[in-house]
Amino acid sequence: MYLCAGLVTINGVEQMKEHKIEIVVQTCKMAELNEADRELVEAAKRSTKGSYAPYSGFKVGAAVRLRNGLIVIGSNQENAAYPSGLCAERTALFAAGAQFPNEPVVALAIAAKKGRIFTKQATPPCGACRQVIAGVEDRFGKAIRILLYGSDGVVVVNGIDALLPLRFSTF
């Protein structure tokens, strides 16, 4: 977690303190992922078929791997009464939490298509989904491995702090 303090006192004078936040992400090809990560990304890609996106045409699939090895999928579900729809990441995370409330999520994969074609670049989660991922990490006290699929490569992030620095937390 990143913490931004306000002022520091230097020679009796309060001054603004500057913080530098750095993130580390990896980019690789599907073939470079281990078997479990490839399986999870493929599940996310398949789950785009369950997407209901008649307004945007942007179909997103997500898959989470639980500590016990089970995979739970989700897809985005749009609604004419925007913002009543729900993102793929949250459908997968909430379904996992409802069905397996005591099983931590260890990894999350996300894939997106525009029409019938997967996006070239990886699609990161929206801000609301990032905060939900943070909440799941807080709940179980463990970072979630995040795999963002694009046909040009997979972005791998170890924990939500890289995607949501200075996040809200109750701790």
N, C-alpha and C. Protein backbone atom coordinates (compact mmCIF):
# COMPACT_ATOMS: atom_id res chain seq x y z
N MET A 1 0.85 -1.16 0.00
CA MET A 1 0.00 0.00 0.00
C MET A 1 0.90 1.22 0.00
N TYR A 2 0.50 2.25 -0.70
CA TYR A 2 1.24 3.49 -0.77
C TYR A 2 0.55 4.50 0.13
N LEU A 3 1.33 5.23 0.89
CA LEU A 3 0.77 6.22 1.79
C LEU A 3 1.38 7.57 1.46
N CYS A 4 0.56 8.55 1.30
CA CYS A 4 1.04 9.88 0.97
C CYS A 4 0.89 10.77 2.21
N ALA A 5 2.00 11.14 2.80
CA ALA A 5 1.97 12.02 3.96
C ALA A 5 1.90 13.46 3.47
N GLY A 6 1.39 14.33 4.31
CA GLY A 6 1.22 15.73 3.93
C GLY A 6 2.51 16.52 3.93
N LEU A 7 2.85 17.08 5.06
CA LEU A 7 3.99 17.99 5.14
C LEU A 7 5.10 17.42 6.01
N VAL A 8 6.32 17.85 5.74
CA VAL A 8 7.46 17.52 6.59
C VAL A 8 8.04 18.84 7.08
N THR A 9 8.68 18.78 8.23
CA THR A 9 9.29 19.99 8.77
C THR A 9 10.80 19.93 8.53
N ILE A 10 11.31 20.92 7.83
CA ILE A 10 12.75 21.03 7.55
C ILE A 10 13.20 22.39 8.05
N ASN A 11 14.15 22.38 9.00
CA ASN A 11 14.65 23.61 9.61
C ASN A 11 13.51 24.48 10.16
N GLY A 12 12.53 23.81 10.79
CA GLY A 12 11.43 24.54 11.41
C GLY A 12 10.37 25.03 10.44
N VAL A 13 10.51 24.71 9.16
CA VAL A 13 9.55 25.17 8.16
C VAL A 13 8.85 23.94 7.56
N GLU A 14 7.51 23.98 7.57
CA GLU A 14 6.77 22.89 6.97
C GLU A 14 6.87 22.97 5.45
N GLN A 15 7.19 21.83 4.84
CA GLN A 15 7.30 21.77 3.39
C GLN A 15 6.56 20.54 2.87
N MET A 16 6.11 20.64 1.64
CA MET A 16 5.42 19.53 1.02
C MET A 16 6.40 18.38 0.83
N LYS A 17 5.95 17.18 1.09
CA LYS A 17 6.78 16.00 0.90
C LYS A 17 6.36 15.33 -0.40
N GLU A 18 7.32 14.99 -1.21
CA GLU A 18 7.04 14.36 -2.49
C GLU A 18 7.29 12.86 -2.39
N HIS A 19 6.39 12.08 -2.99
CA HIS A 19 6.53 10.63 -3.03
C HIS A 19 6.57 10.19 -4.48
N LYS A 20 7.42 9.25 -4.77
CA LYS A 20 7.50 8.69 -6.10
C LYS A 20 6.91 7.28 -6.04
N ILE A 21 5.94 7.01 -6.90
CA ILE A 21 5.31 5.70 -6.96
C ILE A 21 5.74 5.04 -8.26
N GLU A 22 6.28 3.83 -8.14
CA GLU A 22 6.69 3.07 -9.30
C GLU A 22 5.91 1.76 -9.34
N ILE A 23 5.58 1.32 -10.54
CA ILE A 23 4.91 0.04 -10.69
C ILE A 23 5.73 -0.86 -11.58
N VAL A 24 5.56 -2.15 -11.38
CA VAL A 24 6.24 -3.13 -12.21
C VAL A 24 5.19 -4.01 -12.85
N VAL A 25 5.23 -4.10 -14.16
CA VAL A 25 4.37 -5.02 -14.90
C VAL A 25 5.25 -5.82 -15.84
N GLN A 26 4.81 -7.01 -16.16
CA GLN A 26 5.51 -7.83 -17.13
C GLN A 26 4.63 -7.95 -18.36
N THR A 27 5.25 -8.02 -19.52
CA THR A 27 4.53 -8.28 -20.75
C THR A 27 5.15 -9.51 -21.38
N CYS A 28 4.30 -10.45 -21.80
CA CYS A 28 4.82 -11.68 -22.38
C CYS A 28 3.84 -12.20 -23.43
N LYS A 29 4.26 -13.20 -24.13
CA LYS A 29 3.40 -13.90 -25.08
C LYS A 29 2.68 -15.02 -24.32
N MET A 30 1.56 -15.47 -24.84
CA MET A 30 0.82 -16.56 -24.20
C MET A 30 1.71 -17.77 -23.97
N ALA A 31 2.55 -18.10 -24.93
CA ALA A 31 3.40 -19.29 -24.83
C ALA A 31 4.39 -19.19 -23.67
N GLU A 32 4.67 -17.98 -23.21
CA GLU A 32 5.61 -17.80 -22.10
C GLU A 32 4.97 -17.97 -20.74
N LEU A 33 3.63 -18.00 -20.69
CA LEU A 33 2.93 -18.19 -19.42
C LEU A 33 3.02 -19.66 -18.99
N ASN A 34 2.94 -19.88 -17.68
CA ASN A 34 2.89 -21.26 -17.22
C ASN A 34 1.52 -21.84 -17.57
N GLU A 35 1.37 -23.15 -17.44
CA GLU A 35 0.15 -23.83 -17.86
C GLU A 35 -1.09 -23.31 -17.13
N ALA A 36 -0.97 -23.07 -15.83
CA ALA A 36 -2.12 -22.59 -15.05
C ALA A 36 -2.56 -21.21 -15.53
N ASP A 37 -1.62 -20.32 -15.81
CA ASP A 37 -1.96 -18.98 -16.29
C ASP A 37 -2.58 -19.03 -17.68
N ARG A 38 -2.03 -19.88 -18.57
CA ARG A 38 -2.61 -20.02 -19.91
C ARG A 38 -4.06 -20.54 -19.81
N GLU A 39 -4.28 -21.51 -18.94
CA GLU A 39 -5.63 -22.06 -18.75
C GLU A 39 -6.59 -20.97 -18.28
N LEU A 40 -6.14 -20.12 -17.38
CA LEU A 40 -7.00 -19.06 -16.85
C LEU A 40 -7.30 -18.01 -17.93
N VAL A 41 -6.30 -17.63 -18.71
CA VAL A 41 -6.52 -16.67 -19.80
C VAL A 41 -7.48 -17.26 -20.82
N GLU A 42 -7.32 -18.53 -21.17
CA GLU A 42 -8.22 -19.16 -22.13
C GLU A 42 -9.65 -19.19 -21.59
N ALA A 43 -9.81 -19.40 -20.28
CA ALA A 43 -11.15 -19.37 -19.68
C ALA A 43 -11.75 -17.97 -19.79
N ALA A 44 -10.94 -16.94 -19.58
CA ALA A 44 -11.42 -15.56 -19.73
C ALA A 44 -11.82 -15.28 -21.17
N LYS A 45 -11.03 -15.75 -22.11
CA LYS A 45 -11.36 -15.55 -23.53
C LYS A 45 -12.69 -16.25 -23.87
N ARG A 46 -12.85 -17.49 -23.41
CA ARG A 46 -14.10 -18.22 -23.67
C ARG A 46 -15.30 -17.54 -23.02
N SER A 47 -15.08 -16.95 -21.86
CA SER A 47 -16.22 -16.35 -21.14
C SER A 47 -16.75 -15.10 -21.83
N THR A 48 -16.03 -14.54 -22.80
CA THR A 48 -16.57 -13.41 -23.56
C THR A 48 -17.83 -13.82 -24.32
N LYS A 49 -17.99 -15.12 -24.57
CA LYS A 49 -19.19 -15.61 -25.29
C LYS A 49 -20.46 -15.37 -24.49
N GLY A 50 -20.34 -15.27 -23.16
CA GLY A 50 -21.50 -15.02 -22.32
C GLY A 50 -21.80 -13.55 -22.12
N SER A 51 -21.00 -12.70 -22.74
CA SER A 51 -21.19 -11.25 -22.60
C SER A 51 -22.49 -10.81 -23.25
N TYR A 52 -23.16 -9.86 -22.60
CA TYR A 52 -24.34 -9.22 -23.17
C TYR A 52 -23.97 -7.75 -23.35
N ALA A 53 -23.60 -7.38 -24.57
CA ALA A 53 -23.10 -6.03 -24.83
C ALA A 53 -23.75 -5.44 -26.07
N PRO A 54 -25.09 -5.33 -26.10
CA PRO A 54 -25.75 -4.82 -27.30
C PRO A 54 -25.54 -3.34 -27.55
N TYR A 55 -25.10 -2.59 -26.54
CA TYR A 55 -24.95 -1.14 -26.67
C TYR A 55 -23.53 -0.76 -27.06
N SER A 56 -22.55 -1.33 -26.41
CA SER A 56 -21.16 -0.98 -26.69
C SER A 56 -20.51 -1.90 -27.71
N GLY A 57 -20.98 -3.15 -27.81
CA GLY A 57 -20.32 -4.12 -28.67
C GLY A 57 -18.97 -4.56 -28.12
N PHE A 58 -18.66 -4.16 -26.89
CA PHE A 58 -17.38 -4.47 -26.25
C PHE A 58 -17.61 -5.62 -25.28
N LYS A 59 -17.15 -6.80 -25.66
CA LYS A 59 -17.41 -8.01 -24.88
C LYS A 59 -16.19 -8.35 -24.03
N VAL A 60 -16.42 -8.42 -22.73
CA VAL A 60 -15.32 -8.68 -21.80
C VAL A 60 -15.61 -9.96 -21.03
N GLY A 61 -14.56 -10.77 -20.89
CA GLY A 61 -14.65 -11.99 -20.10
C GLY A 61 -13.60 -11.97 -19.01
N ALA A 62 -13.93 -12.55 -17.89
CA ALA A 62 -12.98 -12.65 -16.78
C ALA A 62 -13.06 -14.05 -16.20
N ALA A 63 -11.94 -14.49 -15.66
CA ALA A 63 -11.88 -15.78 -14.99
C ALA A 63 -11.01 -15.63 -13.76
N VAL A 64 -11.47 -16.17 -12.64
CA VAL A 64 -10.68 -16.14 -11.41
C VAL A 64 -10.34 -17.57 -11.01
N ARG A 65 -9.14 -17.74 -10.53
CA ARG A 65 -8.71 -19.02 -9.99
C ARG A 65 -8.72 -18.89 -8.47
N LEU A 66 -9.38 -19.82 -7.83
CA LEU A 66 -9.41 -19.85 -6.38
C LEU A 66 -8.24 -20.67 -5.84
N ARG A 67 -7.94 -20.51 -4.58
CA ARG A 67 -6.84 -21.24 -3.96
C ARG A 67 -6.99 -22.75 -4.13
N ASN A 68 -8.25 -23.23 -4.14
CA ASN A 68 -8.49 -24.67 -4.29
C ASN A 68 -8.37 -25.14 -5.74
N GLY A 69 -8.03 -24.24 -6.67
CA GLY A 69 -7.82 -24.59 -8.06
C GLY A 69 -9.03 -24.39 -8.96
N LEU A 70 -10.20 -24.21 -8.39
CA LEU A 70 -11.40 -24.00 -9.20
C LEU A 70 -11.33 -22.67 -9.94
N ILE A 71 -11.92 -22.66 -11.13
CA ILE A 71 -12.01 -21.44 -11.94
C ILE A 71 -13.47 -21.01 -12.00
N VAL A 72 -13.72 -19.73 -11.73
CA VAL A 72 -15.05 -19.14 -11.81
C VAL A 72 -14.98 -18.04 -12.87
N ILE A 73 -15.96 -18.03 -13.78
CA ILE A 73 -15.93 -17.05 -14.87
C ILE A 73 -17.02 -16.00 -14.70
N GLY A 74 -16.85 -14.93 -15.45
CA GLY A 74 -17.84 -13.86 -15.50
C GLY A 74 -17.71 -13.14 -16.83
N SER A 75 -18.76 -12.44 -17.22
CA SER A 75 -18.72 -11.63 -18.44
C SER A 75 -19.52 -10.36 -18.19
N ASN A 76 -19.22 -9.32 -18.97
CA ASN A 76 -19.95 -8.07 -18.76
C ASN A 76 -21.39 -8.22 -19.20
N GLN A 77 -22.26 -7.54 -18.47
CA GLN A 77 -23.70 -7.60 -18.71
C GLN A 77 -24.22 -6.16 -18.76
N GLU A 78 -24.52 -5.69 -19.97
CA GLU A 78 -25.01 -4.32 -20.12
C GLU A 78 -26.52 -4.25 -19.90
N ASN A 79 -26.98 -3.03 -19.64
CA ASN A 79 -28.41 -2.80 -19.42
C ASN A 79 -28.76 -1.44 -19.99
N ALA A 80 -29.94 -1.33 -20.54
CA ALA A 80 -30.36 -0.05 -21.12
C ALA A 80 -30.41 1.04 -20.07
N ALA A 81 -30.66 0.67 -18.83
CA ALA A 81 -30.68 1.64 -17.73
C ALA A 81 -29.26 1.75 -17.16
N TYR A 82 -28.36 2.32 -17.99
CA TYR A 82 -26.98 2.51 -17.53
C TYR A 82 -27.01 3.32 -16.24
N PRO A 83 -26.32 3.02 -15.21
CA PRO A 83 -25.22 2.08 -15.04
C PRO A 83 -25.62 0.78 -14.35
N SER A 84 -26.76 0.24 -14.70
CA SER A 84 -27.24 -0.97 -14.04
C SER A 84 -26.53 -2.24 -14.49
N GLY A 85 -25.69 -2.16 -15.49
CA GLY A 85 -24.93 -3.32 -15.94
C GLY A 85 -23.79 -3.62 -14.98
N LEU A 86 -23.02 -4.63 -15.32
CA LEU A 86 -21.90 -5.01 -14.46
C LEU A 86 -20.75 -5.52 -15.31
N CYS A 87 -19.55 -5.18 -14.89
CA CYS A 87 -18.33 -5.59 -15.59
C CYS A 87 -18.04 -7.08 -15.37
N ALA A 88 -17.28 -7.66 -16.28
CA ALA A 88 -16.91 -9.08 -16.21
C ALA A 88 -16.13 -9.40 -14.94
N GLU A 89 -15.21 -8.51 -14.58
CA GLU A 89 -14.37 -8.77 -13.42
C GLU A 89 -15.20 -8.89 -12.15
N ARG A 90 -16.16 -7.98 -12.00
CA ARG A 90 -17.00 -8.01 -10.80
C ARG A 90 -17.96 -9.19 -10.82
N THR A 91 -18.48 -9.56 -12.00
CA THR A 91 -19.36 -10.73 -12.02
C THR A 91 -18.59 -11.98 -11.60
N ALA A 92 -17.36 -12.11 -12.07
CA ALA A 92 -16.56 -13.29 -11.70
C ALA A 92 -16.19 -13.27 -10.22
N LEU A 93 -15.73 -12.12 -9.73
CA LEU A 93 -15.32 -12.03 -8.33
C LEU A 93 -16.50 -12.20 -7.38
N PHE A 94 -17.64 -11.61 -7.71
CA PHE A 94 -18.81 -11.72 -6.84
C PHE A 94 -19.38 -13.14 -6.89
N ALA A 95 -19.37 -13.78 -8.06
CA ALA A 95 -19.84 -15.17 -8.16
C ALA A 95 -18.94 -16.08 -7.33
N ALA A 96 -17.63 -15.86 -7.39
CA ALA A 96 -16.69 -16.66 -6.60
C ALA A 96 -16.95 -16.45 -5.12
N GLY A 97 -17.15 -15.20 -4.72
CA GLY A 97 -17.40 -14.90 -3.32
C GLY A 97 -18.70 -15.49 -2.82
N ALA A 98 -19.72 -15.51 -3.67
CA ALA A 98 -21.02 -16.05 -3.27
C ALA A 98 -21.00 -17.57 -3.19
N GLN A 99 -20.30 -18.21 -4.13
CA GLN A 99 -20.28 -19.66 -4.17
C GLN A 99 -19.23 -20.29 -3.25
N PHE A 100 -18.12 -19.58 -3.08
CA PHE A 100 -16.99 -20.10 -2.30
C PHE A 100 -16.47 -19.01 -1.36
N PRO A 101 -17.27 -18.62 -0.36
CA PRO A 101 -16.95 -17.46 0.46
C PRO A 101 -15.65 -17.56 1.27
N ASN A 102 -15.14 -18.74 1.48
CA ASN A 102 -13.92 -18.89 2.27
C ASN A 102 -12.69 -19.25 1.44
N GLU A 103 -12.84 -19.21 0.11
CA GLU A 103 -11.71 -19.55 -0.77
C GLU A 103 -11.12 -18.27 -1.36
N PRO A 104 -9.88 -17.98 -1.04
CA PRO A 104 -9.24 -16.79 -1.61
C PRO A 104 -9.05 -16.89 -3.13
N VAL A 105 -9.13 -15.76 -3.78
CA VAL A 105 -8.81 -15.65 -5.20
C VAL A 105 -7.30 -15.48 -5.31
N VAL A 106 -6.66 -16.31 -6.13
CA VAL A 106 -5.22 -16.20 -6.29
C VAL A 106 -4.82 -15.56 -7.62
N ALA A 107 -5.73 -15.64 -8.62
CA ALA A 107 -5.41 -15.05 -9.93
C ALA A 107 -6.69 -14.64 -10.64
N LEU A 108 -6.56 -13.64 -11.49
CA LEU A 108 -7.67 -13.10 -12.28
C LEU A 108 -7.16 -12.82 -13.68
N ALA A 109 -7.88 -13.32 -14.69
CA ALA A 109 -7.53 -13.04 -16.09
C ALA A 109 -8.68 -12.28 -16.73
N ILE A 110 -8.34 -11.35 -17.62
CA ILE A 110 -9.33 -10.53 -18.31
C ILE A 110 -9.01 -10.52 -19.81
N ALA A 111 -10.03 -10.71 -20.64
CA ALA A 111 -9.89 -10.64 -22.09
C ALA A 111 -11.06 -9.84 -22.64
N ALA A 112 -10.85 -9.15 -23.75
CA ALA A 112 -11.92 -8.33 -24.33
C ALA A 112 -11.92 -8.42 -25.85
N LYS A 113 -13.11 -8.32 -26.40
CA LYS A 113 -13.29 -8.32 -27.86
C LYS A 113 -14.12 -7.11 -28.26
N LYS A 114 -13.82 -6.57 -29.39
CA LYS A 114 -14.67 -5.58 -30.04
C LYS A 114 -15.29 -6.31 -31.23
N GLY A 115 -16.58 -6.59 -31.12
CA GLY A 115 -17.20 -7.44 -32.14
C GLY A 115 -16.73 -8.87 -31.95
N ARG A 116 -16.12 -9.43 -32.99
CA ARG A 116 -15.64 -10.82 -32.93
C ARG A 116 -14.13 -10.93 -32.76
N ILE A 117 -13.45 -9.81 -32.67
CA ILE A 117 -11.99 -9.80 -32.65
C ILE A 117 -11.47 -9.39 -31.26
N PHE A 118 -10.54 -10.19 -30.72
CA PHE A 118 -9.93 -9.82 -29.44
C PHE A 118 -9.10 -8.56 -29.62
N THR A 119 -9.09 -7.72 -28.60
CA THR A 119 -8.32 -6.49 -28.66
C THR A 119 -6.83 -6.81 -28.78
N LYS A 120 -6.11 -5.98 -29.52
CA LYS A 120 -4.66 -6.19 -29.66
C LYS A 120 -3.96 -5.90 -28.34
N GLN A 121 -4.35 -4.81 -27.73
CA GLN A 121 -3.74 -4.43 -26.46
C GLN A 121 -4.56 -4.97 -25.30
N ALA A 122 -3.90 -5.28 -24.22
CA ALA A 122 -4.57 -5.76 -23.02
C ALA A 122 -5.56 -4.72 -22.53
N THR A 123 -6.69 -5.19 -22.02
CA THR A 123 -7.72 -4.30 -21.48
C THR A 123 -7.67 -4.35 -19.96
N PRO A 124 -7.28 -3.26 -19.32
CA PRO A 124 -7.23 -3.25 -17.85
C PRO A 124 -8.62 -3.05 -17.26
N PRO A 125 -8.79 -3.42 -15.99
CA PRO A 125 -10.09 -3.23 -15.34
C PRO A 125 -10.38 -1.74 -15.11
N CYS A 126 -11.67 -1.41 -15.07
CA CYS A 126 -12.08 -0.04 -14.78
C CYS A 126 -11.78 0.28 -13.31
N GLY A 127 -11.96 1.52 -12.92
CA GLY A 127 -11.67 1.94 -11.55
C GLY A 127 -12.52 1.22 -10.51
N ALA A 128 -13.81 1.03 -10.80
CA ALA A 128 -14.68 0.33 -9.85
C ALA A 128 -14.21 -1.10 -9.65
N CYS A 129 -13.85 -1.77 -10.75
CA CYS A 129 -13.36 -3.15 -10.64
C CYS A 129 -12.02 -3.20 -9.90
N ARG A 130 -11.18 -2.22 -10.13
CA ARG A 130 -9.90 -2.18 -9.41
C ARG A 130 -10.14 -2.10 -7.91
N GLN A 131 -11.11 -1.30 -7.50
CA GLN A 131 -11.39 -1.18 -6.07
C GLN A 131 -11.98 -2.48 -5.52
N VAL A 132 -12.79 -3.17 -6.30
CA VAL A 132 -13.33 -4.45 -5.85
C VAL A 132 -12.20 -5.47 -5.71
N ILE A 133 -11.28 -5.48 -6.67
CA ILE A 133 -10.11 -6.38 -6.58
C ILE A 133 -9.34 -6.07 -5.30
N ALA A 134 -9.16 -4.78 -5.02
CA ALA A 134 -8.46 -4.38 -3.79
C ALA A 134 -9.19 -4.91 -2.56
N GLY A 135 -10.52 -4.83 -2.57
CA GLY A 135 -11.31 -5.33 -1.44
C GLY A 135 -11.15 -6.83 -1.25
N VAL A 136 -11.08 -7.58 -2.35
CA VAL A 136 -10.87 -9.03 -2.25
C VAL A 136 -9.49 -9.32 -1.70
N GLU A 137 -8.49 -8.56 -2.17
CA GLU A 137 -7.14 -8.74 -1.62
C GLU A 137 -7.14 -8.45 -0.12
N ASP A 138 -7.79 -7.37 0.29
CA ASP A 138 -7.85 -7.02 1.72
C ASP A 138 -8.56 -8.11 2.52
N ARG A 139 -9.65 -8.63 1.96
CA ARG A 139 -10.44 -9.65 2.66
C ARG A 139 -9.60 -10.87 3.02
N PHE A 140 -8.75 -11.30 2.07
CA PHE A 140 -7.98 -12.52 2.28
C PHE A 140 -6.52 -12.26 2.62
N GLY A 141 -6.11 -10.99 2.62
CA GLY A 141 -4.74 -10.65 2.98
C GLY A 141 -3.70 -11.18 2.02
N LYS A 142 -4.06 -11.27 0.73
CA LYS A 142 -3.13 -11.81 -0.26
C LYS A 142 -3.31 -11.10 -1.60
N ALA A 143 -2.19 -10.77 -2.23
CA ALA A 143 -2.23 -10.14 -3.56
C ALA A 143 -2.77 -11.12 -4.59
N ILE A 144 -3.47 -10.59 -5.59
CA ILE A 144 -4.03 -11.38 -6.68
C ILE A 144 -3.17 -11.16 -7.92
N ARG A 145 -2.76 -12.26 -8.55
CA ARG A 145 -2.03 -12.19 -9.82
C ARG A 145 -3.04 -11.82 -10.90
N ILE A 146 -2.76 -10.76 -11.65
CA ILE A 146 -3.70 -10.26 -12.65
C ILE A 146 -3.09 -10.42 -14.03
N LEU A 147 -3.82 -11.07 -14.93
CA LEU A 147 -3.37 -11.34 -16.30
C LEU A 147 -4.31 -10.63 -17.26
N LEU A 148 -3.78 -9.68 -18.00
CA LEU A 148 -4.58 -8.87 -18.93
C LEU A 148 -4.23 -9.30 -20.35
N TYR A 149 -5.16 -9.97 -21.02
CA TYR A 149 -4.89 -10.52 -22.34
C TYR A 149 -5.14 -9.50 -23.45
N GLY A 150 -4.21 -9.48 -24.40
CA GLY A 150 -4.37 -8.78 -25.67
C GLY A 150 -3.72 -9.68 -26.71
N SER A 151 -4.19 -9.66 -27.95
CA SER A 151 -3.61 -10.56 -28.95
C SER A 151 -2.14 -10.26 -29.22
N ASP A 152 -1.69 -9.04 -28.89
CA ASP A 152 -0.27 -8.70 -29.02
C ASP A 152 0.56 -9.13 -27.82
N GLY A 153 -0.07 -9.55 -26.74
CA GLY A 153 0.67 -9.99 -25.56
C GLY A 153 -0.17 -9.91 -24.30
N VAL A 154 0.36 -10.49 -23.25
CA VAL A 154 -0.33 -10.53 -21.96
C VAL A 154 0.45 -9.67 -20.98
N VAL A 155 -0.26 -8.79 -20.30
CA VAL A 155 0.34 -7.98 -19.24
C VAL A 155 0.07 -8.70 -17.92
N VAL A 156 1.12 -8.90 -17.15
CA VAL A 156 1.01 -9.61 -15.88
C VAL A 156 1.35 -8.65 -14.75
N VAL A 157 0.46 -8.57 -13.77
CA VAL A 157 0.62 -7.68 -12.63
C VAL A 157 0.45 -8.51 -11.37
N ASN A 158 1.34 -8.35 -10.44
CA ASN A 158 1.24 -9.09 -9.19
C ASN A 158 0.68 -8.19 -8.10
N GLY A 159 -0.63 -8.14 -8.04
CA GLY A 159 -1.32 -7.36 -7.01
C GLY A 159 -1.91 -6.08 -7.56
N ILE A 160 -3.01 -5.65 -6.97
CA ILE A 160 -3.75 -4.50 -7.45
C ILE A 160 -3.03 -3.17 -7.20
N ASP A 161 -2.11 -3.13 -6.25
CA ASP A 161 -1.43 -1.85 -5.96
C ASP A 161 -0.74 -1.27 -7.19
N ALA A 162 -0.31 -2.13 -8.12
CA ALA A 162 0.32 -1.64 -9.34
C ALA A 162 -0.69 -0.93 -10.24
N LEU A 163 -1.95 -1.34 -10.17
CA LEU A 163 -2.99 -0.72 -11.00
C LEU A 163 -3.80 0.33 -10.26
N LEU A 164 -3.69 0.34 -8.93
CA LEU A 164 -4.49 1.27 -8.13
C LEU A 164 -3.68 1.77 -6.94
N PRO A 165 -2.61 2.53 -7.21
CA PRO A 165 -1.84 3.08 -6.09
C PRO A 165 -2.70 4.09 -5.33
N LEU A 166 -2.40 4.27 -4.08
CA LEU A 166 -3.15 5.19 -3.21
C LEU A 166 -4.63 4.80 -3.12
N ARG A 167 -4.88 3.50 -3.17
CA ARG A 167 -6.26 3.01 -3.15
C ARG A 167 -6.91 3.22 -1.79
N PHE A 168 -8.23 3.21 -1.79
CA PHE A 168 -9.00 3.30 -0.57
C PHE A 168 -8.88 1.98 0.18
N SER A 169 -8.68 2.05 1.46
CA SER A 169 -8.64 0.87 2.29
C SER A 169 -9.14 1.24 3.69
N THR A 170 -9.79 0.32 4.34
CA THR A 170 -10.26 0.58 5.69
C THR A 170 -9.24 0.19 6.73
N PHE A 171 -8.10 -0.31 6.28
CA PHE A 171 -7.05 -0.74 7.22
C PHE A 171 -6.05 0.37 7.48
